Amino acid sequence: MKIRKATLSDAMKISLLGRETLRRIVSKDYSKKLMKIMLEKYNFDNTLKSIGEENVFCLWDNEKLIGTVSLKNNMVGRVYIKFNQIGKGYGKKLMNFIESYSKKRKIKKLFLFTTIGAEKFYENIGYKKLRGKFVEIWDGKKINDLKMEKKLK
């Protein structure tokens, strides 16, 4: 297993992984309309753009993409694990990596928006749900109001 920074040539695999995870895991918690918006966010073009604008990392098992995570400023995103690998510790491995990466860059606190199904995972690794109404907007549409934070030590 190896974590490395994503390259533009990884974009298609990252896009497919994100979309597959959304369809197989996340779709049960959201409306079809909202899922359409979320799936569009992870299309190939948007994935290419994010690789250029964010720090996107991939967890590989030889040539097989297992998971991804990204960081833009102090916002964690694109945390996706291949659907049949969930529960094997790969999400925690990626989050430990991105927290360590953030500490080296003097980031004191990380934020993320989570899906309903992943909220407990983040709580178990030390993230706290923020009180109040937080809205993540994609293309002018509300996606999520589950914002969490973790102070890094």
Protein backbone atom coordinates (compact mmCIF):
# COMPACT_ATOMS: atom_id res chain seq x y z
CA MET A 1 0.00 0.00 0.00
CA LYS A 2 1.27 3.41 -0.95
CA ILE A 3 -0.15 6.93 -0.63
CA ARG A 4 1.03 9.43 -3.21
CA LYS A 5 0.00 12.75 -4.67
CA ALA A 6 -2.45 12.41 -7.54
CA THR A 7 -1.36 13.19 -11.08
CA LEU A 8 -3.51 14.27 -13.99
CA SER A 9 -3.26 10.75 -15.38
CA ASP A 10 -5.03 9.49 -12.22
CA ALA A 11 -8.09 11.68 -12.83
CA MET A 12 -10.24 9.08 -14.56
CA LYS A 13 -9.68 6.45 -11.86
CA ILE A 14 -10.33 9.01 -9.11
CA SER A 15 -13.51 10.19 -10.82
CA LEU A 16 -14.78 6.62 -11.28
CA LEU A 17 -13.97 5.74 -7.66
CA GLY A 18 -15.82 8.79 -6.30
CA ARG A 19 -18.85 8.21 -8.50
CA GLU A 20 -18.99 4.49 -7.72
CA THR A 21 -18.82 5.16 -3.99
CA LEU A 22 -21.57 7.77 -4.26
CA ARG A 23 -23.81 5.37 -6.18
CA ARG A 24 -23.21 2.30 -4.02
CA ILE A 25 -22.86 3.81 -0.55
CA VAL A 26 -24.10 7.40 -0.36
CA SER A 27 -27.18 7.21 -2.60
CA LYS A 28 -29.31 5.49 0.04
CA ASP A 29 -29.23 8.66 2.21
CA TYR A 30 -29.99 11.30 -0.44
CA SER A 31 -32.62 12.18 -3.03
CA LYS A 32 -32.09 11.40 -6.72
CA LYS A 33 -31.90 15.13 -7.46
CA LEU A 34 -29.16 15.67 -4.89
CA MET A 35 -27.31 12.56 -6.07
CA LYS A 36 -27.29 13.92 -9.61
CA ILE A 37 -25.62 17.12 -8.36
CA MET A 38 -23.09 15.16 -6.30
CA LEU A 39 -22.24 12.83 -9.17
CA GLU A 40 -21.66 15.81 -11.47
CA LYS A 41 -19.21 17.25 -8.94
CA TYR A 42 -17.06 14.13 -9.39
CA ASN A 43 -17.09 13.97 -13.17
CA PHE A 44 -13.79 13.70 -15.05
CA ASP A 45 -13.44 17.42 -15.84
CA ASN A 46 -14.07 18.51 -12.25
CA THR A 47 -11.66 15.86 -11.00
CA LEU A 48 -8.96 17.15 -13.35
CA LYS A 49 -9.59 20.67 -12.10
CA SER A 50 -9.38 19.61 -8.45
CA ILE A 51 -6.05 17.86 -9.01
CA GLY A 52 -4.71 21.18 -10.28
CA GLU A 53 -6.22 23.30 -7.48
CA GLU A 54 -6.04 21.04 -4.41
CA ASN A 55 -3.67 18.60 -2.80
CA VAL A 56 -5.23 15.30 -3.89
CA PHE A 57 -3.76 12.03 -2.67
CA CYS A 58 -4.43 8.42 -3.62
CA LEU A 59 -3.99 5.17 -1.75
CA TRP A 60 -2.78 2.48 -4.14
CA ASP A 61 -2.39 -1.27 -3.82
CA ASN A 62 -0.04 -1.86 -6.74
CA GLU A 63 -2.03 -0.48 -9.71
CA LYS A 64 -5.39 -0.65 -7.93
CA LEU A 65 -6.84 2.60 -6.55
CA ILE A 66 -8.20 1.93 -3.04
CA GLY A 67 -9.02 5.45 -1.83
CA THR A 68 -8.58 9.19 -2.13
CA VAL A 69 -8.44 12.28 0.08
CA SER A 70 -7.84 15.93 -0.70
CA LEU A 71 -6.94 19.11 1.12
CA LYS A 72 -7.58 22.69 0.05
CA ASN A 73 -6.38 25.20 2.64
CA ASN A 74 -7.74 23.55 5.81
CA MET A 75 -10.74 21.80 4.19
CA VAL A 76 -10.60 18.03 3.74
CA GLY A 77 -12.51 16.59 0.80
CA ARG A 78 -12.77 13.73 -1.67
CA VAL A 79 -12.51 11.06 1.02
CA TYR A 80 -13.56 7.97 -0.89
CA ILE A 81 -12.74 4.32 -0.35
CA LYS A 82 -13.52 1.61 -2.89
CA PHE A 83 -16.91 0.25 -1.83
CA ASN A 84 -15.68 -3.31 -1.25
CA GLN A 85 -12.73 -2.09 0.87
CA ILE A 86 -14.73 -0.03 3.38
CA GLY A 87 -14.22 -1.10 6.99
CA LYS A 88 -10.65 -2.33 6.48
CA GLY A 89 -8.91 0.74 7.96
CA TYR A 90 -8.09 2.50 4.68
CA GLY A 91 -10.19 5.57 5.49
CA LYS A 92 -8.39 5.97 8.80
CA LYS A 93 -5.04 5.51 7.05
CA LEU A 94 -5.87 8.31 4.58
CA MET A 95 -7.15 10.61 7.32
CA ASN A 96 -4.01 10.02 9.42
CA PHE A 97 -1.96 10.86 6.35
CA ILE A 98 -3.83 14.10 5.60
CA GLU A 99 -3.66 15.17 9.25
CA SER A 100 0.10 14.58 9.33
CA TYR A 101 0.46 16.42 6.00
CA SER A 102 -1.54 19.33 7.45
CA LYS A 103 0.53 19.52 10.65
CA LYS A 104 3.72 19.80 8.59
CA ARG A 105 2.13 22.83 6.92
CA LYS A 106 1.31 24.41 10.31
CA ILE A 107 -2.45 23.90 9.90
CA LYS A 108 -3.99 23.85 13.39
CA LYS A 109 -7.57 22.81 12.56
CA LEU A 110 -9.19 20.79 9.78
CA PHE A 111 -12.76 21.06 8.55
CA LEU A 112 -14.85 18.78 6.38
CA PHE A 113 -18.38 18.25 5.18
CA THR A 114 -19.55 14.70 5.69
CA THR A 115 -22.30 12.54 4.34
CA ILE A 116 -24.89 11.14 6.72
CA GLY A 117 -23.38 7.66 6.55
CA ALA A 118 -19.80 8.76 7.28
CA GLU A 119 -20.55 10.98 10.28
CA LYS A 120 -19.81 8.24 12.85
CA PHE A 121 -16.52 7.38 11.13
CA TYR A 122 -15.30 10.96 11.56
CA GLU A 123 -16.53 11.14 15.15
CA ASN A 124 -14.58 7.94 15.91
CA ILE A 125 -11.34 9.56 14.69
CA GLY A 126 -11.80 12.76 16.67
CA TYR A 127 -13.90 15.09 14.52
CA LYS A 128 -16.64 17.09 16.19
CA LYS A 129 -19.87 18.21 14.57
CA LEU A 130 -20.14 21.98 14.49
CA ARG A 131 -23.30 23.48 15.85
CA GLY A 132 -25.34 25.80 13.72
CA LYS A 133 -26.35 25.73 10.11
CA PHE A 134 -23.56 25.23 7.61
CA VAL A 135 -24.21 24.84 3.94
CA GLU A 136 -21.88 23.58 1.27
CA ILE A 137 -22.81 24.95 -2.14
CA TRP A 138 -21.99 23.22 -5.42
CA ASP A 139 -23.02 25.02 -8.55
CA GLY A 140 -25.44 27.17 -6.57
CA LYS A 141 -27.17 24.21 -4.90
CA LYS A 142 -27.11 23.15 -1.24
CA ILE A 143 -25.44 19.80 -0.74
CA ASN A 144 -24.74 19.20 2.90
CA ASP A 145 -25.05 20.77 6.33
CA LEU A 146 -22.96 18.28 8.32
CA LYS A 147 -19.75 20.23 8.92
CA MET A 148 -17.13 18.85 11.28
CA GLU A 149 -13.79 20.00 12.65
CA LYS A 150 -10.73 18.58 14.35
CA LYS A 151 -8.04 20.48 16.19
CA LEU A 152 -4.64 19.08 15.33
CA LYS A 153 -2.12 18.50 18.10
